[in-house]
Amino acid sequence: MRWLITGGTGTIGRAVVAALHPSKNNIYVMSRDDTKQCEMRLDFPDVNYIIGDVTNQDDCDRAYRKAKPDRIIHCAALKHVPACEDNPEFAMRVNVGGTANMLRSSWSDGVSFTLISTDKAVHPVSVLGFTKALAERHTLEMSGSVV
């Protein structure tokens, strides 16, 4: 099984990698943080690392082509309420646009796509909640689950 984990050096992404790692899956981590990638290499030297930003469609396409995944777990996001409230345009770009970019990169191949979201997306009252709710809605629409 080949996995592409976006935001793989973040708290959630790293936990996903740790959970998948013992089974000797072929894991690719995409993140824009080269320092965290270097640190992660110490614990997971056999994981494949890709520098890239989900807000850039070319980066998403390149990561997808390199990983050739069977499954994508999309962890890349802004996840802190204050950061999103102070930077709503960036929260939209990362949480909604980044999700849309990864979906576009993988959609034609029918790859399994799992979006990591938050309880804040249920009846959202914050920028974080609204952006994650939109990302969920777009993911469902792309999968054909929402009419």
C-alpha atoms as a PDB file:
ATOM      1  CA  MET A   1       0.000   0.000   0.000  1.00  0.00           C
ATOM      2  CA  ARG A   2       1.291   3.453  -0.940  1.00  0.00           C
ATOM      3  CA  TRP A   3       0.272   6.393   1.239  1.00  0.00           C
ATOM      4  CA  LEU A   4       0.620  10.151   0.762  1.00  0.00           C
ATOM      5  CA  ILE A   5       0.262  12.108   3.997  1.00  0.00           C
ATOM      6  CA  THR A   6      -0.083  15.863   3.470  1.00  0.00           C
ATOM      7  CA  GLY A   7       0.958  17.968   6.414  1.00  0.00           C
ATOM      8  CA  GLY A   8       2.801  14.860   7.517  1.00  0.00           C
ATOM      9  CA  THR A   9       5.218  16.691   9.794  1.00  0.00           C
ATOM     10  CA  GLY A  10       2.472  18.322  11.866  1.00  0.00           C
ATOM     11  CA  THR A  11       1.114  16.857  15.086  1.00  0.00           C
ATOM     12  CA  ILE A  12      -1.675  14.858  13.449  1.00  0.00           C
ATOM     13  CA  GLY A  13       0.312  13.940  10.339  1.00  0.00           C
ATOM     14  CA  ARG A  14       3.215  12.643  12.389  1.00  0.00           C
ATOM     15  CA  ALA A  15       0.820  10.510  14.462  1.00  0.00           C
ATOM     16  CA  VAL A  16      -0.628   9.069  11.238  1.00  0.00           C
ATOM     17  CA  VAL A  17       2.874   8.249   9.972  1.00  0.00           C
ATOM     18  CA  ALA A  18       3.727   6.587  13.297  1.00  0.00           C
ATOM     19  CA  ALA A  19       0.563   4.479  13.120  1.00  0.00           C
ATOM     20  CA  LEU A  20       1.224   3.369   9.530  1.00  0.00           C
ATOM     21  CA  HIS A  21       4.972   2.945   9.865  1.00  0.00           C
ATOM     22  CA  PRO A  22       5.203  -0.414  11.687  1.00  0.00           C
ATOM     23  CA  SER A  23       3.369  -2.167   8.850  1.00  0.00           C
ATOM     24  CA  LYS A  24       6.149  -1.287   6.385  1.00  0.00           C
ATOM     25  CA  ASN A  25       3.825   0.618   4.099  1.00  0.00           C
ATOM     26  CA  ASN A  26       5.353   2.805   1.415  1.00  0.00           C
ATOM     27  CA  ILE A  27       4.799   6.224   3.028  1.00  0.00           C
ATOM     28  CA  TYR A  28       5.300   9.642   1.460  1.00  0.00           C
ATOM     29  CA  VAL A  29       5.128  12.767   3.604  1.00  0.00           C
ATOM     30  CA  MET A  30       4.394  16.113   1.976  1.00  0.00           C
ATOM     31  CA  SER A  31       4.995  19.265   4.002  1.00  0.00           C
ATOM     32  CA  ARG A  32       6.508  22.675   3.555  1.00  0.00           C
ATOM     33  CA  ASP A  33       8.591  22.466   6.746  1.00  0.00           C
ATOM     34  CA  ASP A  34      12.046  21.146   5.856  1.00  0.00           C
ATOM     35  CA  THR A  35      13.239  21.436   9.469  1.00  0.00           C
ATOM     36  CA  LYS A  36      10.471  19.162  10.721  1.00  0.00           C
ATOM     37  CA  GLN A  37      11.178  16.776   7.842  1.00  0.00           C
ATOM     38  CA  CYS A  38      14.846  16.567   8.894  1.00  0.00           C
ATOM     39  CA  GLU A  39      13.811  15.924  12.509  1.00  0.00           C
ATOM     40  CA  MET A  40      11.280  13.289  11.450  1.00  0.00           C
ATOM     41  CA  ARG A  41      13.902  11.490   9.357  1.00  0.00           C
ATOM     42  CA  LEU A  42      15.658  10.559  12.599  1.00  0.00           C
ATOM     43  CA  ASP A  43      12.621   8.555  13.753  1.00  0.00           C
ATOM     44  CA  PHE A  44      11.394   7.436  10.334  1.00  0.00           C
ATOM     45  CA  PRO A  45      14.413   7.166   8.002  1.00  0.00           C
ATOM     46  CA  ASP A  46      12.643   4.895   5.504  1.00  0.00           C
ATOM     47  CA  VAL A  47       9.754   7.315   4.902  1.00  0.00           C
ATOM     48  CA  ASN A  48       9.884   9.373   1.697  1.00  0.00           C
ATOM     49  CA  TYR A  49       9.801  13.152   2.155  1.00  0.00           C
ATOM     50  CA  ILE A  50       8.512  15.731  -0.314  1.00  0.00           C
ATOM     51  CA  ILE A  51       8.833  19.482   0.191  1.00  0.00           C
ATOM     52  CA  GLY A  52       5.652  21.108  -1.014  1.00  0.00           C
ATOM     53  CA  ASP A  53       2.800  23.431  -0.158  1.00  0.00           C
ATOM     54  CA  VAL A  54      -0.816  22.350  -0.610  1.00  0.00           C
ATOM     55  CA  THR A  55      -1.729  25.908  -1.609  1.00  0.00           C
ATOM     56  CA  ASN A  56       0.305  25.376  -4.787  1.00  0.00           C
ATOM     57  CA  GLN A  57      -1.362  23.115  -7.360  1.00  0.00           C
ATOM     58  CA  ASP A  58       1.959  22.290  -9.029  1.00  0.00           C
ATOM     59  CA  ASP A  59       3.355  21.089  -5.677  1.00  0.00           C
ATOM     60  CA  CYS A  60       0.294  18.884  -5.140  1.00  0.00           C
ATOM     61  CA  ASP A  61       0.560  17.440  -8.643  1.00  0.00           C
ATOM     62  CA  ARG A  62       4.300  16.777  -8.197  1.00  0.00           C
ATOM     63  CA  ALA A  63       3.780  15.059  -4.832  1.00  0.00           C
ATOM     64  CA  TYR A  64       0.986  12.944  -6.275  1.00  0.00           C
ATOM     65  CA  ARG A  65       3.073  11.880  -9.270  1.00  0.00           C
ATOM     66  CA  LYS A  66       6.047  11.042  -7.056  1.00  0.00           C
ATOM     67  CA  ALA A  67       4.092   9.091  -4.444  1.00  0.00           C
ATOM     68  CA  LYS A  68       1.662   7.329  -6.808  1.00  0.00           C
ATOM     69  CA  PRO A  69      -0.503   6.687  -3.742  1.00  0.00           C
ATOM     70  CA  ASP A  70      -3.305   4.220  -3.210  1.00  0.00           C
ATOM     71  CA  ARG A  71      -4.509   6.409  -0.358  1.00  0.00           C
ATOM     72  CA  ILE A  72      -4.148  10.048   0.662  1.00  0.00           C
ATOM     73  CA  ILE A  73      -4.615  11.283   4.190  1.00  0.00           C
ATOM     74  CA  HIS A  74      -4.927  15.049   3.979  1.00  0.00           C
ATOM     75  CA  CYS A  75      -3.727  16.504   7.302  1.00  0.00           C
ATOM     76  CA  ALA A  76      -2.347  19.791   5.962  1.00  0.00           C
ATOM     77  CA  ALA A  77      -4.328  22.654   7.490  1.00  0.00           C
ATOM     78  CA  LEU A  78      -4.325  25.587   9.820  1.00  0.00           C
ATOM     79  CA  LYS A  79      -5.777  24.092  12.990  1.00  0.00           C
ATOM     80  CA  HIS A  80      -5.628  26.837  15.619  1.00  0.00           C
ATOM     81  CA  VAL A  81      -8.610  29.123  16.124  1.00  0.00           C
ATOM     82  CA  PRO A  82      -6.581  32.295  16.897  1.00  0.00           C
ATOM     83  CA  ALA A  83      -4.356  31.838  13.837  1.00  0.00           C
ATOM     84  CA  CYS A  84      -7.391  31.448  11.597  1.00  0.00           C
ATOM     85  CA  GLU A  85      -9.254  34.366  13.171  1.00  0.00           C
ATOM     86  CA  ASP A  86      -6.223  36.634  12.694  1.00  0.00           C
ATOM     87  CA  ASN A  87      -5.518  35.378   9.143  1.00  0.00           C
ATOM     88  CA  PRO A  88      -8.827  34.416   7.504  1.00  0.00           C
ATOM     89  CA  GLU A  89      -7.562  34.723   3.927  1.00  0.00           C
ATOM     90  CA  PHE A  90      -4.683  32.372   4.662  1.00  0.00           C
ATOM     91  CA  ALA A  91      -7.015  29.958   6.473  1.00  0.00           C
ATOM     92  CA  MET A  92      -9.200  29.869   3.348  1.00  0.00           C
ATOM     93  CA  ARG A  93      -6.190  29.360   1.098  1.00  0.00           C
ATOM     94  CA  VAL A  94      -4.798  26.464   3.158  1.00  0.00           C
ATOM     95  CA  ASN A  95      -7.895  24.732   4.516  1.00  0.00           C
ATOM     96  CA  VAL A  96     -10.207  25.101   1.531  1.00  0.00           C
ATOM     97  CA  GLY A  97      -7.835  25.749  -1.375  1.00  0.00           C
ATOM     98  CA  GLY A  98      -5.266  23.186  -0.242  1.00  0.00           C
ATOM     99  CA  THR A  99      -7.949  20.526   0.048  1.00  0.00           C
ATOM    100  CA  ALA A 100      -9.287  21.402  -3.402  1.00  0.00           C
ATOM    101  CA  ASN A 101      -5.781  21.222  -4.865  1.00  0.00           C
ATOM    102  CA  MET A 102      -5.105  17.746  -3.460  1.00  0.00           C
ATOM    103  CA  LEU A 103      -8.514  16.547  -4.616  1.00  0.00           C
ATOM    104  CA  ARG A 104      -7.802  17.850  -8.143  1.00  0.00           C
ATOM    105  CA  SER A 105      -4.409  16.129  -8.173  1.00  0.00           C
ATOM    106  CA  SER A 106      -5.866  12.739  -7.302  1.00  0.00           C
ATOM    107  CA  TRP A 107      -9.444  12.825  -8.513  1.00  0.00           C
ATOM    108  CA  SER A 108      -9.117  11.269 -11.964  1.00  0.00           C
ATOM    109  CA  ASP A 109      -7.465   8.139 -10.539  1.00  0.00           C
ATOM    110  CA  GLY A 110     -10.135   7.457  -7.927  1.00  0.00           C
ATOM    111  CA  VAL A 111      -7.592   7.324  -5.097  1.00  0.00           C
ATOM    112  CA  SER A 112      -8.991   6.943  -1.578  1.00  0.00           C
ATOM    113  CA  PHE A 113      -8.962  10.417   0.010  1.00  0.00           C
ATOM    114  CA  THR A 114      -9.363  10.984   3.742  1.00  0.00           C
ATOM    115  CA  LEU A 115      -9.727  14.536   4.995  1.00  0.00           C
ATOM    116  CA  ILE A 116      -8.728  15.184   8.597  1.00  0.00           C
ATOM    117  CA  SER A 117     -11.200  17.697   9.977  1.00  0.00           C
ATOM    118  CA  THR A 118     -12.392  18.951  13.364  1.00  0.00           C
ATOM    119  CA  ASP A 119     -15.416  19.079  15.609  1.00  0.00           C
ATOM    120  CA  LYS A 120     -15.344  22.833  15.014  1.00  0.00           C
ATOM    121  CA  ALA A 121     -16.748  22.214  11.510  1.00  0.00           C
ATOM    122  CA  VAL A 122     -20.099  21.132  13.001  1.00  0.00           C
ATOM    123  CA  HIS A 123     -22.251  24.266  13.272  1.00  0.00           C
ATOM    124  CA  PRO A 124     -19.182  26.478  12.771  1.00  0.00           C
ATOM    125  CA  VAL A 125     -18.871  29.823  14.518  1.00  0.00           C
ATOM    126  CA  SER A 126     -15.197  30.523  13.791  1.00  0.00           C
ATOM    127  CA  VAL A 127     -13.064  30.970  10.694  1.00  0.00           C
ATOM    128  CA  LEU A 128     -11.419  27.619  11.442  1.00  0.00           C
ATOM    129  CA  GLY A 129     -14.785  25.888  11.633  1.00  0.00           C
ATOM    130  CA  PHE A 130     -16.117  27.503   8.475  1.00  0.00           C
ATOM    131  CA  THR A 131     -13.007  26.690   6.434  1.00  0.00           C
ATOM    132  CA  LYS A 132     -12.988  23.064   7.580  1.00  0.00           C
ATOM    133  CA  ALA A 133     -16.731  22.766   6.926  1.00  0.00           C
ATOM    134  CA  LEU A 134     -16.175  24.047   3.373  1.00  0.00           C
ATOM    135  CA  ALA A 135     -13.296  21.597   2.914  1.00  0.00           C
ATOM    136  CA  GLU A 136     -15.543  18.757   4.106  1.00  0.00           C
ATOM    137  CA  ARG A 137     -18.330  19.807   1.782  1.00  0.00           C
ATOM    138  CA  HIS A 138     -15.993  20.006  -1.216  1.00  0.00           C
ATOM    139  CA  THR A 139     -14.527  16.585  -0.404  1.00  0.00           C
ATOM    140  CA  LEU A 140     -17.997  15.056  -0.169  1.00  0.00           C
ATOM    141  CA  GLU A 141     -19.121  16.671  -3.403  1.00  0.00           C
ATOM    142  CA  MET A 142     -16.029  15.417  -5.232  1.00  0.00           C
ATOM    143  CA  SER A 143     -16.718  11.901  -3.946  1.00  0.00           C
ATOM    144  CA  GLY A 144     -20.310  12.034  -5.166  1.00  0.00           C
ATOM    145  CA  SER A 145     -21.664  11.650  -1.621  1.00  0.00           C
ATOM    146  CA  VAL A 146     -23.522  14.958  -1.678  1.00  0.00           C
ATOM    147  CA  VAL A 147     -26.041  15.926  -4.331  1.00  0.00           C
END
